[in-house]
Protein backbone atom coordinates (compact mmCIF):
# COMPACT_ATOMS: atom_id res chain seq x y z
CA MET A 1 92.00 24.13 87.86
CA GLN A 2 93.54 22.12 85.04
CA SER A 3 93.45 18.33 85.19
CA GLN A 4 96.85 16.66 85.01
CA SER A 5 97.46 13.11 83.91
CA VAL A 6 99.50 11.19 86.48
CA GLN A 7 102.07 8.92 84.88
CA ARG A 8 102.86 5.88 87.01
CA LEU A 9 106.32 4.38 87.00
CA LEU A 10 106.54 0.60 86.78
CA ARG A 11 109.44 -1.39 88.17
CA LEU A 12 110.79 -4.52 86.44
CA PRO A 13 108.57 -7.10 88.21
CA VAL A 14 105.44 -5.29 87.03
CA VAL A 15 106.82 -4.80 83.51
CA LYS A 16 107.64 -8.52 83.36
CA GLU A 17 104.11 -9.40 84.41
CA ARG A 18 102.41 -7.02 82.00
CA THR A 19 104.55 -7.94 78.97
CA ALA A 20 105.13 -11.66 79.71
CA LEU A 21 108.82 -11.15 78.88
CA SER A 22 111.82 -12.28 80.89
CA PRO A 23 114.21 -9.67 82.30
CA ALA A 24 116.88 -10.75 79.80
CA THR A 25 114.49 -10.27 76.89
CA ILE A 26 113.36 -6.86 78.17
CA TRP A 27 116.96 -5.62 78.39
CA ARG A 28 117.95 -7.19 75.04
CA GLU A 29 114.95 -5.58 73.29
CA ARG A 30 115.66 -2.25 74.98
CA ARG A 31 119.28 -2.29 73.78
CA ALA A 32 118.06 -3.09 70.25
CA GLY A 33 115.65 -0.13 70.36
CA ARG A 34 112.54 -2.31 70.25
CA PHE A 35 111.39 -1.71 73.83
CA PRO A 36 110.78 1.53 75.74
CA GLN A 37 113.70 3.14 77.53
CA PRO A 38 113.47 3.15 81.32
CA VAL A 39 113.99 6.26 83.44
CA ARG A 40 116.48 6.36 86.29
CA ILE A 41 114.67 6.89 89.59
CA SER A 42 117.73 6.54 91.84
CA PRO A 43 121.41 5.64 91.37
CA GLY A 44 120.60 1.92 91.45
CA ALA A 45 117.05 1.75 90.16
CA VAL A 46 115.12 2.28 86.95
CA ALA A 47 111.44 2.18 86.07
CA TRP A 48 109.33 2.44 82.94
CA ARG A 49 106.56 4.95 82.27
CA GLU A 50 103.26 3.11 82.32
CA GLY A 51 102.12 4.88 79.14
CA ASP A 52 105.23 3.71 77.27
CA ILE A 53 104.56 0.11 78.28
CA ASP A 54 100.86 0.40 77.38
CA THR A 55 101.79 1.77 73.94
CA TRP A 56 104.33 -1.01 73.39
CA ILE A 57 101.70 -3.64 74.28
CA GLU A 58 99.16 -2.04 71.91
CA THR A 59 101.64 -2.10 69.01
CA ARG A 60 102.11 -5.84 69.59
CA LYS A 61 98.34 -6.37 69.36
CA GLU A 62 98.24 -4.52 66.03
CA ARG A 63 100.88 -6.84 64.55
CA ALA A 64 99.06 -10.01 65.59
């Protein structure tokens, strides 16, 4: 049996907490192409892949 990596989806409140960004900043940075794109999980809801957020956070650490 092959091991599969499970990718969690994070909703906005969790993304806010993990990145310390406001919702307005998250959406502004996303539109500018500087923040990961969310995935649509229902007609009225989006979420971010946990790995994409982790990678984004790591790139910020490298710049500091």
